[in-house]
Amino acid sequence: MPFESTIKRAERVLELVRQHYEPGRQDRCLKWVWRTKVRPELGLSYVGFQAILHRNNFYVNERRPKPTAEQLAEIERRQTKLEIWEE
């Protein structure tokens, strides 16, 4: 069983990631969150940061946002365009 301080640190890391991480934006990636928010506040290494995210299933639950209707339409348009190009 982890120490209470470890649990609090993991909760704080997840809170910072939820506040500042924006999927799809390279300037607000996980490494940016770690470098500018987590490391200065908690002094946590990048490997430790990734371990906390992995243990809390962050990559499975929050990293893959569901596409919107507009995004699905754009994907469909591109696939149709590619099929026409291949003919």
C-alpha atoms as a PDB file:
ATOM      1  CA  MET A   1       0.000   0.000   0.000  1.00  0.00           C
ATOM      2  CA  PRO A   2       1.490   3.347  -1.023  1.00  0.00           C
ATOM      3  CA  PHE A   3       2.155   6.124   1.434  1.00  0.00           C
ATOM      4  CA  GLU A   4      -0.445   8.873   1.795  1.00  0.00           C
ATOM      5  CA  SER A   5       2.021  11.425   0.391  1.00  0.00           C
ATOM      6  CA  THR A   6       2.468   9.304  -2.747  1.00  0.00           C
ATOM      7  CA  ILE A   7      -1.289   9.198  -3.264  1.00  0.00           C
ATOM      8  CA  LYS A   8      -1.569  12.968  -2.803  1.00  0.00           C
ATOM      9  CA  ARG A   9       1.282  13.577  -5.247  1.00  0.00           C
ATOM     10  CA  ALA A  10      -0.397  11.343  -7.861  1.00  0.00           C
ATOM     11  CA  GLU A  11      -3.691  13.172  -7.378  1.00  0.00           C
ATOM     12  CA  ARG A  12      -1.926  16.514  -7.852  1.00  0.00           C
ATOM     13  CA  VAL A  13      -0.190  15.273 -11.020  1.00  0.00           C
ATOM     14  CA  LEU A  14      -3.492  14.104 -12.499  1.00  0.00           C
ATOM     15  CA  GLU A  15      -5.129  17.410 -11.571  1.00  0.00           C
ATOM     16  CA  LEU A  16      -2.373  19.396 -13.314  1.00  0.00           C
ATOM     17  CA  VAL A  17      -2.617  17.199 -16.401  1.00  0.00           C
ATOM     18  CA  ARG A  18      -6.397  17.601 -16.574  1.00  0.00           C
ATOM     19  CA  GLN A  19      -6.043  21.379 -16.269  1.00  0.00           C
ATOM     20  CA  HIS A  20      -3.267  21.943 -18.803  1.00  0.00           C
ATOM     21  CA  TYR A  21      -3.030  19.002 -21.236  1.00  0.00           C
ATOM     22  CA  GLU A  22      -4.792  19.490 -24.578  1.00  0.00           C
ATOM     23  CA  PRO A  23      -4.886  16.459 -26.885  1.00  0.00           C
ATOM     24  CA  GLY A  24      -3.924  17.282 -30.435  1.00  0.00           C
ATOM     25  CA  ARG A  25      -1.897  20.378 -29.546  1.00  0.00           C
ATOM     26  CA  GLN A  26       1.830  19.838 -29.709  1.00  0.00           C
ATOM     27  CA  ASP A  27       2.513  22.935 -27.631  1.00  0.00           C
ATOM     28  CA  ARG A  28       0.374  21.571 -24.776  1.00  0.00           C
ATOM     29  CA  CYS A  29       1.562  17.961 -24.820  1.00  0.00           C
ATOM     30  CA  LEU A  30       2.196  15.804 -21.752  1.00  0.00           C
ATOM     31  CA  LYS A  31       5.908  16.592 -21.775  1.00  0.00           C
ATOM     32  CA  TRP A  32       5.112  20.331 -21.727  1.00  0.00           C
ATOM     33  CA  VAL A  33       2.796  19.811 -18.740  1.00  0.00           C
ATOM     34  CA  TRP A  34       5.526  17.877 -16.956  1.00  0.00           C
ATOM     35  CA  ARG A  35       8.268  20.408 -17.822  1.00  0.00           C
ATOM     36  CA  THR A  36       6.349  23.585 -16.959  1.00  0.00           C
ATOM     37  CA  LYS A  37       3.869  22.519 -14.270  1.00  0.00           C
ATOM     38  CA  VAL A  38       4.725  19.212 -12.593  1.00  0.00           C
ATOM     39  CA  ARG A  39       8.522  19.312 -12.352  1.00  0.00           C
ATOM     40  CA  PRO A  40       8.762  22.825 -10.837  1.00  0.00           C
ATOM     41  CA  GLU A  41       6.014  22.143  -8.301  1.00  0.00           C
ATOM     42  CA  LEU A  42       6.652  18.515  -7.346  1.00  0.00           C
ATOM     43  CA  GLY A  43      10.225  17.814  -8.494  1.00  0.00           C
ATOM     44  CA  LEU A  44       9.092  14.615 -10.185  1.00  0.00           C
ATOM     45  CA  SER A  45      11.126  12.944 -12.940  1.00  0.00           C
ATOM     46  CA  TYR A  46       9.576  12.356 -16.353  1.00  0.00           C
ATOM     47  CA  VAL A  47       9.672   8.592 -15.838  1.00  0.00           C
ATOM     48  CA  GLY A  48       7.854   8.982 -12.512  1.00  0.00           C
ATOM     49  CA  PHE A  49       5.331  11.276 -14.198  1.00  0.00           C
ATOM     50  CA  GLN A  50       4.661   8.684 -16.903  1.00  0.00           C
ATOM     51  CA  ALA A  51       4.370   5.933 -14.282  1.00  0.00           C
ATOM     52  CA  ILE A  52       1.668   7.871 -12.436  1.00  0.00           C
ATOM     53  CA  LEU A  53      -0.263   8.394 -15.671  1.00  0.00           C
ATOM     54  CA  HIS A  54       0.107   4.740 -16.615  1.00  0.00           C
ATOM     55  CA  ARG A  55      -0.974   3.481 -13.183  1.00  0.00           C
ATOM     56  CA  ASN A  56      -4.093   5.623 -13.324  1.00  0.00           C
ATOM     57  CA  ASN A  57      -5.016   4.525 -16.875  1.00  0.00           C
ATOM     58  CA  PHE A  58      -4.692   8.080 -18.164  1.00  0.00           C
ATOM     59  CA  TYR A  59      -3.501   6.895 -21.551  1.00  0.00           C
ATOM     60  CA  VAL A  60      -6.531   4.634 -21.994  1.00  0.00           C
ATOM     61  CA  ASN A  61      -9.247   6.930 -20.657  1.00  0.00           C
ATOM     62  CA  GLU A  62      -8.264  10.472 -21.586  1.00  0.00           C
ATOM     63  CA  ARG A  63      -5.676  10.387 -24.318  1.00  0.00           C
ATOM     64  CA  ARG A  64      -8.002   9.294 -27.085  1.00  0.00           C
ATOM     65  CA  PRO A  65     -10.826  11.782 -27.407  1.00  0.00           C
ATOM     66  CA  LYS A  66     -13.888  10.662 -29.350  1.00  0.00           C
ATOM     67  CA  PRO A  67     -14.118  12.339 -32.748  1.00  0.00           C
ATOM     68  CA  THR A  68     -16.840  14.898 -33.267  1.00  0.00           C
ATOM     69  CA  ALA A  69     -19.376  14.714 -36.094  1.00  0.00           C
ATOM     70  CA  GLU A  70     -17.374  17.282 -38.069  1.00  0.00           C
ATOM     71  CA  GLN A  71     -14.184  15.263 -37.674  1.00  0.00           C
ATOM     72  CA  LEU A  72     -15.951  12.073 -38.774  1.00  0.00           C
ATOM     73  CA  ALA A  73     -17.324  13.873 -41.840  1.00  0.00           C
ATOM     74  CA  GLU A  74     -13.834  15.151 -42.690  1.00  0.00           C
ATOM     75  CA  ILE A  75     -12.396  11.641 -42.369  1.00  0.00           C
ATOM     76  CA  GLU A  76     -15.131  10.296 -44.626  1.00  0.00           C
ATOM     77  CA  ARG A  77     -14.464  13.055 -47.178  1.00  0.00           C
ATOM     78  CA  ARG A  78     -10.739  12.299 -47.221  1.00  0.00           C
ATOM     79  CA  GLN A  79     -11.304   8.560 -47.594  1.00  0.00           C
ATOM     80  CA  THR A  80     -13.681   9.167 -50.489  1.00  0.00           C
ATOM     81  CA  LYS A  81     -11.157  11.510 -52.087  1.00  0.00           C
ATOM     82  CA  LEU A  82      -8.427   8.860 -51.744  1.00  0.00           C
ATOM     83  CA  GLU A  83     -10.626   6.184 -53.287  1.00  0.00           C
ATOM     84  CA  ILE A  84     -11.302   8.441 -56.279  1.00  0.00           C
ATOM     85  CA  TRP A  85      -7.593   9.172 -56.590  1.00  0.00           C
ATOM     86  CA  GLU A  86      -6.710   5.458 -56.621  1.00  0.00           C
ATOM     87  CA  GLU A  87      -9.050   4.706 -59.554  1.00  0.00           C
END
